[in-house]
Amino acid sequence: MKIVTDCAADMTNEELERLGVIQAPLFIQFPEGEVNSADISADEFYNRLEAMRPKIPTTAQPSSGIFAEIYRKLAKTEKNIFSLHISSGLSGTINSARDGGEQTKAEANVNFWDTLTLSGGERFQVLAAALANKAGWAMNAIQERLSAIREKTEVIYTLDTLEYLARGGRIGRVQALAGALLNLKPIIRVDTDGKYSTVAKGRSIGKSMTMITEHLKEKYGNTPLWVTVLHGRFAEKADVLTSEFKEKLNIAKLEVMRISPVLGVHTGPGIVGAAVVPMSLMSDLVV
């Protein structure tokens, strides 16, 4: 079986190659032209983003035709395909994938999976699916494990500014202005319905990071965790959050990664947070 995902999963190039995962593009539309998010480095992207202020680029999901092309190409050697994508609550990508599957149903047998999350949380599910597939798991067993991972994963972050969310239409200008005036740094998580919800608002990035740590400690207790610290261009804050996690959480595996540029369009460079999953749901798969 072949595994397909999208670049919102924040998979590394090494992981894609090692596990044979195919990544559908998500696009960033700059005034001078469209760019595949996977083809632009994080620093190049943020340089261009900040140079555009007060405007921002837009984003676009892959078309059904792109998915159909991917599925047809894969079906030449393997007809069974498992396509896992960014939350339907945040993007229409999985709908494009399903339409692409409909176009190729005579050639390929495609199963679809809504991860109901994004970034590091989506990555956990893609990694699990690919590793379980390599280990010879049946589809129902893979989906059962993905359901457990989806239920137990937390993706949570805070932002230095709300202006990018406001400019991209994700929140209203009034809300963004109020946040700026009060110097509030919202703590946002991906909820069980695959959409964003606000957990709390700190008076500083430092306070919000501490509240993120406290939220995770309350949620997971002393459970051994796989923690992926995520940031845009906020390495110093990622280091601080990493130190807090090491002090207060039971960490079995820890990484620091940067989010995909296509996600950074809506957050700006000042984003820091984490994707967290109980290690027990991954440990029998990780090699």
C-alpha atoms as a PDB file:
ATOM      1  CA  MET A   1       0.000   0.000   0.000  1.00  0.00           C
ATOM      2  CA  LYS A   2       1.192   3.535  -0.789  1.00  0.00           C
ATOM      3  CA  ILE A   3       0.789   6.416   1.665  1.00  0.00           C
ATOM      4  CA  VAL A   4      -0.113   9.922   0.462  1.00  0.00           C
ATOM      5  CA  THR A   5      -0.286  13.079   2.590  1.00  0.00           C
ATOM      6  CA  ASP A   6       0.119  16.847   2.139  1.00  0.00           C
ATOM      7  CA  CYS A   7       2.847  19.270   3.137  1.00  0.00           C
ATOM      8  CA  ALA A   8       0.839  20.604   6.100  1.00  0.00           C
ATOM      9  CA  ALA A   9       1.977  17.437   7.914  1.00  0.00           C
ATOM     10  CA  ASP A  10       5.468  18.912   8.396  1.00  0.00           C
ATOM     11  CA  MET A  11       7.141  15.635   7.444  1.00  0.00           C
ATOM     12  CA  THR A  12      10.892  15.931   6.943  1.00  0.00           C
ATOM     13  CA  ASN A  13      12.404  15.079   3.568  1.00  0.00           C
ATOM     14  CA  GLU A  14      14.274  12.224   5.248  1.00  0.00           C
ATOM     15  CA  GLU A  15      11.034  10.756   6.597  1.00  0.00           C
ATOM     16  CA  LEU A  16       9.265  11.042   3.247  1.00  0.00           C
ATOM     17  CA  GLU A  17      12.121   9.275   1.484  1.00  0.00           C
ATOM     18  CA  ARG A  18      12.723   6.605   4.112  1.00  0.00           C
ATOM     19  CA  LEU A  19       9.057   5.696   4.442  1.00  0.00           C
ATOM     20  CA  GLY A  20       8.115   6.158   0.787  1.00  0.00           C
ATOM     21  CA  VAL A  21       5.390   8.710   1.604  1.00  0.00           C
ATOM     22  CA  ILE A  22       4.127  10.837  -1.283  1.00  0.00           C
ATOM     23  CA  GLN A  23       3.427  14.461  -0.414  1.00  0.00           C
ATOM     24  CA  ALA A  24       0.793  16.471  -2.265  1.00  0.00           C
ATOM     25  CA  PRO A  25       1.650  20.163  -2.577  1.00  0.00           C
ATOM     26  CA  LEU A  26      -0.035  23.074  -0.875  1.00  0.00           C
ATOM     27  CA  PHE A  27       0.529  26.412  -2.556  1.00  0.00           C
ATOM     28  CA  ILE A  28       1.478  29.925  -1.466  1.00  0.00           C
ATOM     29  CA  GLN A  29       0.309  32.592  -3.881  1.00  0.00           C
ATOM     30  CA  PHE A  30       2.612  35.604  -3.893  1.00  0.00           C
ATOM     31  CA  PRO A  31       1.915  38.619  -6.135  1.00  0.00           C
ATOM     32  CA  GLU A  32       4.756  37.536  -8.420  1.00  0.00           C
ATOM     33  CA  GLY A  33       3.558  33.961  -8.711  1.00  0.00           C
ATOM     34  CA  GLU A  34       2.576  30.702  -7.028  1.00  0.00           C
ATOM     35  CA  VAL A  35       5.060  28.639  -5.001  1.00  0.00           C
ATOM     36  CA  ASN A  36       4.829  25.046  -3.792  1.00  0.00           C
ATOM     37  CA  SER A  37       5.184  25.312  -0.011  1.00  0.00           C
ATOM     38  CA  ALA A  38       7.616  22.397  -0.053  1.00  0.00           C
ATOM     39  CA  ASP A  39       9.933  24.256  -2.437  1.00  0.00           C
ATOM     40  CA  ILE A  40      10.619  27.336  -0.311  1.00  0.00           C
ATOM     41  CA  SER A  41      12.749  27.382   2.825  1.00  0.00           C
ATOM     42  CA  ALA A  42      11.286  28.713   6.038  1.00  0.00           C
ATOM     43  CA  ASP A  43      13.701  31.661   6.188  1.00  0.00           C
ATOM     44  CA  GLU A  44      13.152  32.615   2.545  1.00  0.00           C
ATOM     45  CA  PHE A  45       9.401  32.456   3.111  1.00  0.00           C
ATOM     46  CA  TYR A  46       9.436  34.644   6.237  1.00  0.00           C
ATOM     47  CA  ASN A  47      11.722  37.168   4.524  1.00  0.00           C
ATOM     48  CA  ARG A  48       9.228  37.460   1.676  1.00  0.00           C
ATOM     49  CA  LEU A  49       6.270  37.531   4.074  1.00  0.00           C
ATOM     50  CA  GLU A  50       7.667  40.384   6.119  1.00  0.00           C
ATOM     51  CA  ALA A  51       8.691  42.298   2.975  1.00  0.00           C
ATOM     52  CA  MET A  52       5.044  42.246   1.824  1.00  0.00           C
ATOM     53  CA  ARG A  53       3.618  43.902   4.937  1.00  0.00           C
ATOM     54  CA  PRO A  54       0.920  45.050   5.383  1.00  0.00           C
ATOM     55  CA  LYS A  55      -0.281  42.615   2.714  1.00  0.00           C
ATOM     56  CA  ILE A  56       0.038  38.834   2.976  1.00  0.00           C
ATOM     57  CA  PRO A  57       0.046  36.058   0.377  1.00  0.00           C
ATOM     58  CA  THR A  58      -2.839  33.626   0.066  1.00  0.00           C
ATOM     59  CA  THR A  59      -2.812  29.842   0.194  1.00  0.00           C
ATOM     60  CA  ALA A  60      -4.378  27.225  -2.050  1.00  0.00           C
ATOM     61  CA  GLN A  61      -5.020  23.510  -1.670  1.00  0.00           C
ATOM     62  CA  PRO A  62      -4.094  20.992  -4.371  1.00  0.00           C
ATOM     63  CA  SER A  63      -6.710  20.504  -7.075  1.00  0.00           C
ATOM     64  CA  SER A  64      -8.541  17.229  -7.579  1.00  0.00           C
ATOM     65  CA  GLY A  65      -6.537  16.902 -10.814  1.00  0.00           C
ATOM     66  CA  ILE A  66      -3.258  16.954  -8.889  1.00  0.00           C
ATOM     67  CA  PHE A  67      -4.518  14.174  -6.629  1.00  0.00           C
ATOM     68  CA  ALA A  68      -5.803  12.190  -9.608  1.00  0.00           C
ATOM     69  CA  GLU A  69      -2.368  12.477 -11.209  1.00  0.00           C
ATOM     70  CA  ILE A  70      -0.677  11.274  -8.003  1.00  0.00           C
ATOM     71  CA  TYR A  71      -3.055   8.313  -7.631  1.00  0.00           C
ATOM     72  CA  ARG A  72      -2.717   7.284 -11.302  1.00  0.00           C
ATOM     73  CA  LYS A  73       1.056   7.338 -11.098  1.00  0.00           C
ATOM     74  CA  LEU A  74       1.099   5.257  -7.919  1.00  0.00           C
ATOM     75  CA  ALA A  75      -1.510   2.817  -9.241  1.00  0.00           C
ATOM     76  CA  LYS A  76       0.881   1.726 -11.973  1.00  0.00           C
ATOM     77  CA  THR A  77       2.802  -0.219  -9.334  1.00  0.00           C
ATOM     78  CA  GLU A  78       0.391  -0.356  -6.343  1.00  0.00           C
ATOM     79  CA  LYS A  79      -3.368   0.016  -6.601  1.00  0.00           C
ATOM     80  CA  ASN A  80      -4.003   0.281  -2.845  1.00  0.00           C
ATOM     81  CA  ILE A  81      -3.467   3.831  -1.600  1.00  0.00           C
ATOM     82  CA  PHE A  82      -4.081   5.452   1.784  1.00  0.00           C
ATOM     83  CA  SER A  83      -4.436   9.243   1.644  1.00  0.00           C
ATOM     84  CA  LEU A  84      -4.209  11.156   4.969  1.00  0.00           C
ATOM     85  CA  HIS A  85      -4.765  14.897   5.118  1.00  0.00           C
ATOM     86  CA  ILE A  86      -4.987  18.129   7.070  1.00  0.00           C
ATOM     87  CA  SER A  87      -8.190  18.610   9.069  1.00  0.00           C
ATOM     88  CA  SER A  88     -11.349  19.137   7.042  1.00  0.00           C
ATOM     89  CA  GLY A  89     -12.197  21.773   9.636  1.00  0.00           C
ATOM     90  CA  LEU A  90      -9.248  23.886   8.487  1.00  0.00           C
ATOM     91  CA  SER A  91      -8.840  23.086   4.786  1.00  0.00           C
ATOM     92  CA  GLY A  92     -10.696  21.588   1.835  1.00  0.00           C
ATOM     93  CA  THR A  93      -7.682  19.449   0.901  1.00  0.00           C
ATOM     94  CA  ILE A  94      -9.301  16.124   1.760  1.00  0.00           C
ATOM     95  CA  ASN A  95     -12.307  17.025  -0.412  1.00  0.00           C
ATOM     96  CA  SER A  96      -9.972  17.577  -3.355  1.00  0.00           C
ATOM     97  CA  ALA A  97      -8.343  14.247  -2.562  1.00  0.00           C
ATOM     98  CA  ARG A  98     -11.708  12.463  -2.556  1.00  0.00           C
ATOM     99  CA  ASP A  99     -12.626  14.086  -5.878  1.00  0.00           C
ATOM    100  CA  GLY A 100      -9.294  12.941  -7.277  1.00  0.00           C
ATOM    101  CA  GLY A 101      -9.998   9.437  -6.016  1.00  0.00           C
ATOM    102  CA  GLU A 102     -13.389   9.480  -7.711  1.00  0.00           C
ATOM    103  CA  GLN A 103     -11.670  10.335 -11.000  1.00  0.00           C
ATOM    104  CA  THR A 104      -9.331   7.359 -10.653  1.00  0.00           C
ATOM    105  CA  LYS A 105     -11.584   4.741  -9.050  1.00  0.00           C
ATOM    106  CA  ALA A 106     -11.211   2.438 -12.068  1.00  0.00           C
ATOM    107  CA  GLU A 107      -7.429   2.484 -11.636  1.00  0.00           C
ATOM    108  CA  ALA A 108      -6.769   2.841  -7.919  1.00  0.00           C
ATOM    109  CA  ASN A 109      -8.308   1.762  -4.626  1.00  0.00           C
ATOM    110  CA  VAL A 110      -7.925   4.846  -2.428  1.00  0.00           C
ATOM    111  CA  ASN A 111      -8.884   5.034   1.244  1.00  0.00           C
ATOM    112  CA  PHE A 112      -9.062   8.485   2.833  1.00  0.00           C
ATOM    113  CA  TRP A 113      -8.331   9.652   6.362  1.00  0.00           C
ATOM    114  CA  ASP A 114      -9.192  12.997   7.936  1.00  0.00           C
ATOM    115  CA  THR A 115      -6.514  13.571  10.587  1.00  0.00           C
ATOM    116  CA  LEU A 116      -8.638  16.354  12.143  1.00  0.00           C
ATOM    117  CA  THR A 117      -5.412  18.207  12.871  1.00  0.00           C
ATOM    118  CA  LEU A 118      -2.341  19.648  11.172  1.00  0.00           C
ATOM    119  CA  SER A 119       1.408  20.168  11.472  1.00  0.00           C
ATOM    120  CA  GLY A 120       3.048  17.903  14.072  1.00  0.00           C
ATOM    121  CA  GLY A 121      -0.270  16.306  14.978  1.00  0.00           C
ATOM    122  CA  GLU A 122      -0.886  15.315  11.369  1.00  0.00           C
ATOM    123  CA  ARG A 123       2.707  14.087  11.159  1.00  0.00           C
ATOM    124  CA  PHE A 124       2.205  11.656  14.055  1.00  0.00           C
ATOM    125  CA  GLN A 125      -0.658   9.997  12.162  1.00  0.00           C
ATOM    126  CA  VAL A 126       1.223   9.860   8.861  1.00  0.00           C
ATOM    127  CA  LEU A 127       4.273   8.369  10.561  1.00  0.00           C
ATOM    128  CA  ALA A 128       2.119   5.775  12.315  1.00  0.00           C
ATOM    129  CA  ALA A 129       0.311   4.825   9.103  1.00  0.00           C
ATOM    130  CA  ALA A 130       3.536   4.501   7.125  1.00  0.00           C
ATOM    131  CA  LEU A 131       5.361   2.516   9.814  1.00  0.00           C
ATOM    132  CA  ALA A 132       2.383   0.225  10.436  1.00  0.00           C
ATOM    133  CA  ASN A 133       2.073  -0.340   6.695  1.00  0.00           C
ATOM    134  CA  LYS A 134       5.760  -1.293   6.484  1.00  0.00           C
ATOM    135  CA  ALA A 135       5.196  -3.689   9.384  1.00  0.00           C
ATOM    136  CA  GLY A 136       2.381  -5.383   7.448  1.00  0.00           C
ATOM    137  CA  TRP A 137      -0.602  -4.195   9.487  1.00  0.00           C
ATOM    138  CA  ALA A 138      -4.067  -4.588   7.974  1.00  0.00           C
ATOM    139  CA  MET A 139      -6.000  -1.422   7.095  1.00  0.00           C
ATOM    140  CA  ASN A 140      -8.519  -1.828   9.925  1.00  0.00           C
ATOM    141  CA  ALA A 141      -5.675  -2.151  12.458  1.00  0.00           C
ATOM    142  CA  ILE A 142      -3.947   0.938  11.062  1.00  0.00           C
ATOM    143  CA  GLN A 143      -7.137   2.993  11.237  1.00  0.00           C
ATOM    144  CA  GLU A 144      -7.846   1.792  14.764  1.00  0.00           C
ATOM    145  CA  ARG A 145      -4.415   3.022  15.871  1.00  0.00           C
ATOM    146  CA  LEU A 146      -4.861   6.317  14.002  1.00  0.00           C
ATOM    147  CA  SER A 147      -8.179   6.873  15.774  1.00  0.00           C
ATOM    148  CA  ALA A 148      -6.442   6.490  19.134  1.00  0.00           C
ATOM    149  CA  ILE A 149      -3.609   8.824  18.121  1.00  0.00           C
ATOM    150  CA  ARG A 150      -6.084  11.373  16.758  1.00  0.00           C
ATOM    151  CA  GLU A 151      -8.037  11.298  20.018  1.00  0.00           C
ATOM    152  CA  LYS A 152      -5.013  11.594  22.318  1.00  0.00           C
ATOM    153  CA  THR A 153      -2.873  14.111  20.393  1.00  0.00           C
ATOM    154  CA  GLU A 154      -2.704  17.751  21.411  1.00  0.00           C
ATOM    155  CA  VAL A 155      -1.618  20.521  19.029  1.00  0.00           C
ATOM    156  CA  ILE A 156      -1.354  23.804  20.898  1.00  0.00           C
ATOM    157  CA  TYR A 157       0.448  27.077  20.277  1.00  0.00           C
ATOM    158  CA  THR A 158       0.658  30.784  21.035  1.00  0.00           C
ATOM    159  CA  LEU A 159       1.282  33.780  18.786  1.00  0.00           C
ATOM    160  CA  ASP A 160       3.309  36.926  19.208  1.00  0.00           C
ATOM    161  CA  THR A 161       0.741  38.866  17.149  1.00  0.00           C
ATOM    162  CA  LEU A 162      -2.780  38.365  15.825  1.00  0.00           C
ATOM    163  CA  GLU A 163      -2.207  40.526  12.755  1.00  0.00           C
ATOM    164  CA  TYR A 164      -1.568  37.633  10.365  1.00  0.00           C
ATOM    165  CA  LEU A 165      -4.717  35.806  11.461  1.00  0.00           C
ATOM    166  CA  ALA A 166      -6.641  39.046  10.985  1.00  0.00           C
ATOM    167  CA  ARG A 167      -5.143  39.851   7.584  1.00  0.00           C
ATOM    168  CA  GLY A 168      -5.888  36.343   6.397  1.00  0.00           C
ATOM    169  CA  GLY A 169      -9.501  36.632   7.519  1.00  0.00           C
ATOM    170  CA  ARG A 170      -9.158  34.026  10.277  1.00  0.00           C
ATOM    171  CA  ILE A 171     -10.268  36.500  12.964  1.00  0.00           C
ATOM    172  CA  GLY A 172     -11.848  39.950  12.874  1.00  0.00           C
ATOM    173  CA  ARG A 173      -9.864  43.181  12.888  1.00  0.00           C
ATOM    174  CA  VAL A 174     -11.632  44.314  16.072  1.00  0.00           C
ATOM    175  CA  GLN A 175     -10.569  41.178  17.918  1.00  0.00           C
ATOM    176  CA  ALA A 176      -7.014  41.552  16.644  1.00  0.00           C
ATOM    177  CA  LEU A 177      -6.893  45.230  17.630  1.00  0.00           C
ATOM    178  CA  ALA A 178      -8.221  44.468  21.109  1.00  0.00           C
ATOM    179  CA  GLY A 179      -5.562  41.784  21.519  1.00  0.00           C
ATOM    180  CA  ALA A 180      -2.840  44.194  20.423  1.00  0.00           C
ATOM    181  CA  LEU A 181      -4.017  46.964  22.762  1.00  0.00           C
ATOM    182  CA  LEU A 182      -4.122  44.603  25.734  1.00  0.00           C
ATOM    183  CA  ASN A 183      -0.924  42.836  24.646  1.00  0.00           C
ATOM    184  CA  LEU A 184      -2.712  39.482  24.806  1.00  0.00           C
ATOM    185  CA  LYS A 185      -1.030  36.356  23.460  1.00  0.00           C
ATOM    186  CA  PRO A 186      -3.751  33.766  22.752  1.00  0.00           C
ATOM    187  CA  ILE A 187      -3.247  30.063  23.389  1.00  0.00           C
ATOM    188  CA  ILE A 188      -4.889  28.143  20.566  1.00  0.00           C
ATOM    189  CA  ARG A 189      -5.433  24.404  20.210  1.00  0.00           C
ATOM    190  CA  VAL A 190      -6.920  22.117  17.592  1.00  0.00           C
ATOM    191  CA  ASP A 191     -10.189  20.852  19.038  1.00  0.00           C
ATOM    192  CA  THR A 192     -11.782  17.421  18.620  1.00  0.00           C
ATOM    193  CA  ASP A 193     -13.794  18.688  15.649  1.00  0.00           C
ATOM    194  CA  GLY A 194     -10.607  19.592  13.829  1.00  0.00           C
ATOM    195  CA  LYS A 195     -11.078  23.349  14.256  1.00  0.00           C
ATOM    196  CA  TYR A 196      -9.243  25.934  16.330  1.00  0.00           C
ATOM    197  CA  SER A 197     -10.386  26.943  19.800  1.00  0.00           C
ATOM    198  CA  THR A 198      -8.842  29.409  22.239  1.00  0.00           C
ATOM    199  CA  VAL A 199      -7.731  27.886  25.543  1.00  0.00           C
ATOM    200  CA  ALA A 200      -6.649  31.089  27.288  1.00  0.00           C
ATOM    201  CA  LYS A 201      -4.845  34.393  26.758  1.00  0.00           C
ATOM    202  CA  GLY A 202      -1.610  35.330  28.430  1.00  0.00           C
ATOM    203  CA  ARG A 203      -0.234  38.819  29.012  1.00  0.00           C
ATOM    204  CA  SER A 204       3.103  37.876  27.459  1.00  0.00           C
ATOM    205  CA  ILE A 205       4.623  35.141  25.303  1.00  0.00           C
ATOM    206  CA  GLY A 206       6.435  33.853  28.388  1.00  0.00           C
ATOM    207  CA  LYS A 207       3.214  33.612  30.388  1.00  0.00           C
ATOM    208  CA  SER A 208       1.410  31.904  27.497  1.00  0.00           C
ATOM    209  CA  MET A 209       4.197  29.334  27.141  1.00  0.00           C
ATOM    210  CA  THR A 210       3.969  28.565  30.852  1.00  0.00           C
ATOM    211  CA  MET A 211       0.191  28.155  30.479  1.00  0.00           C
ATOM    212  CA  ILE A 212       0.749  25.762  27.555  1.00  0.00           C
ATOM    213  CA  THR A 213       3.036  23.656  29.762  1.00  0.00           C
ATOM    214  CA  GLU A 214       0.479  23.676  32.578  1.00  0.00           C
ATOM    215  CA  HIS A 215      -2.292  22.682  30.156  1.00  0.00           C
ATOM    216  CA  LEU A 216      -0.259  19.715  28.907  1.00  0.00           C
ATOM    217  CA  LYS A 217       0.685  18.672  32.449  1.00  0.00           C
ATOM    218  CA  GLU A 218      -2.989  18.723  33.436  1.00  0.00           C
ATOM    219  CA  LYS A 219      -3.974  16.741  30.343  1.00  0.00           C
ATOM    220  CA  TYR A 220      -1.288  14.056  30.410  1.00  0.00           C
ATOM    221  CA  GLY A 221      -0.045  13.942  34.012  1.00  0.00           C
ATOM    222  CA  ASN A 222       3.054  11.746  34.229  1.00  0.00           C
ATOM    223  CA  THR A 223       2.340   9.849  30.981  1.00  0.00           C
ATOM    224  CA  PRO A 224       5.505   9.382  28.875  1.00  0.00           C
ATOM    225  CA  LEU A 225       5.168  11.681  25.866  1.00  0.00           C
ATOM    226  CA  TRP A 226       6.513  12.249  22.367  1.00  0.00           C
ATOM    227  CA  VAL A 227       6.776  16.028  22.145  1.00  0.00           C
ATOM    228  CA  THR A 228       7.476  18.027  18.990  1.00  0.00           C
ATOM    229  CA  VAL A 229       8.148  21.677  19.755  1.00  0.00           C
ATOM    230  CA  LEU A 230       7.073  23.764  16.760  1.00  0.00           C
ATOM    231  CA  HIS A 231       7.882  27.315  15.736  1.00  0.00           C
ATOM    232  CA  GLY A 232       7.994  29.654  12.738  1.00  0.00           C
ATOM    233  CA  ARG A 233      11.037  31.863  13.201  1.00  0.00           C
ATOM    234  CA  PHE A 234      11.027  31.933  16.982  1.00  0.00           C
ATOM    235  CA  ALA A 235      13.942  29.663  17.890  1.00  0.00           C
ATOM    236  CA  GLU A 236      14.735  31.413  21.165  1.00  0.00           C
ATOM    237  CA  LYS A 237      11.159  30.951  22.400  1.00  0.00           C
ATOM    238  CA  ALA A 238      11.186  27.320  21.229  1.00  0.00           C
ATOM    239  CA  ASP A 239      14.282  26.791  23.397  1.00  0.00           C
ATOM    240  CA  VAL A 240      12.516  28.299  26.418  1.00  0.00           C
ATOM    241  CA  LEU A 241       9.428  26.135  25.859  1.00  0.00           C
ATOM    242  CA  THR A 242      11.634  23.061  25.467  1.00  0.00           C
ATOM    243  CA  SER A 243      13.260  23.793  28.840  1.00  0.00           C
ATOM    244  CA  GLU A 244       9.861  24.167  30.513  1.00  0.00           C
ATOM    245  CA  PHE A 245       8.678  20.887  29.033  1.00  0.00           C
ATOM    246  CA  LYS A 246      11.799  19.046  30.199  1.00  0.00           C
ATOM    247  CA  GLU A 247      11.243  20.372  33.704  1.00  0.00           C
ATOM    248  CA  LYS A 248       7.537  19.610  34.042  1.00  0.00           C
ATOM    249  CA  LEU A 249       6.554  16.836  31.590  1.00  0.00           C
ATOM    250  CA  ASN A 250       7.548  13.179  31.322  1.00  0.00           C
ATOM    251  CA  ILE A 251       9.271  13.300  27.936  1.00  0.00           C
ATOM    252  CA  ALA A 252      10.181  10.065  26.181  1.00  0.00           C
ATOM    253  CA  LYS A 253      11.106  11.717  22.863  1.00  0.00           C
ATOM    254  CA  LEU A 254      11.584  15.398  22.069  1.00  0.00           C
ATOM    255  CA  GLU A 255      12.228  17.267  18.814  1.00  0.00           C
ATOM    256  CA  VAL A 256      12.239  20.897  17.723  1.00  0.00           C
ATOM    257  CA  MET A 257      10.883  21.569  14.237  1.00  0.00           C
ATOM    258  CA  ARG A 258       9.699  24.470  12.114  1.00  0.00           C
ATOM    259  CA  ILE A 259       6.176  24.616  10.735  1.00  0.00           C
ATOM    260  CA  SER A 260       5.497  24.503   7.016  1.00  0.00           C
ATOM    261  CA  PRO A 261       5.550  27.905   5.284  1.00  0.00           C
ATOM    262  CA  VAL A 262       1.979  27.311   4.072  1.00  0.00           C
ATOM    263  CA  LEU A 263       0.866  27.307   7.718  1.00  0.00           C
ATOM    264  CA  GLY A 264       3.084  30.279   8.531  1.00  0.00           C
ATOM    265  CA  VAL A 265       1.089  32.446   6.117  1.00  0.00           C
ATOM    266  CA  HIS A 266      -1.681  32.639   8.724  1.00  0.00           C
ATOM    267  CA  THR A 267       0.480  32.896  11.862  1.00  0.00           C
ATOM    268  CA  GLY A 268       3.527  34.941  10.909  1.00  0.00           C
ATOM    269  CA  PRO A 269       7.006  34.112  12.190  1.00  0.00           C
ATOM    270  CA  GLY A 270       6.090  34.579  15.868  1.00  0.00           C
ATOM    271  CA  ILE A 271       4.471  31.221  16.544  1.00  0.00           C
ATOM    272  CA  VAL A 272       5.623  28.679  19.116  1.00  0.00           C
ATOM    273  CA  GLY A 273       3.884  25.596  20.457  1.00  0.00           C
ATOM    274  CA  ALA A 274       3.898  21.831  20.368  1.00  0.00           C
ATOM    275  CA  ALA A 275       2.365  18.638  19.098  1.00  0.00           C
ATOM    276  CA  VAL A 276       2.141  15.980  21.823  1.00  0.00           C
ATOM    277  CA  VAL A 277       1.116  12.315  21.816  1.00  0.00           C
ATOM    278  CA  PRO A 278       1.455   9.539  24.426  1.00  0.00           C
ATOM    279  CA  MET A 279       4.553   7.541  23.548  1.00  0.00           C
ATOM    280  CA  SER A 280       2.677   4.275  24.119  1.00  0.00           C
ATOM    281  CA  LEU A 281       0.723   4.909  20.891  1.00  0.00           C
ATOM    282  CA  MET A 282       3.932   5.214  18.844  1.00  0.00           C
ATOM    283  CA  SER A 283       6.601   3.173  20.576  1.00  0.00           C
ATOM    284  CA  ASP A 284       5.733  -0.181  18.973  1.00  0.00           C
ATOM    285  CA  LEU A 285       5.985   1.444  15.522  1.00  0.00           C
ATOM    286  CA  VAL A 286       9.060   3.666  15.791  1.00  0.00           C
ATOM    287  CA  VAL A 287      12.257   2.043  14.601  1.00  0.00           C
END
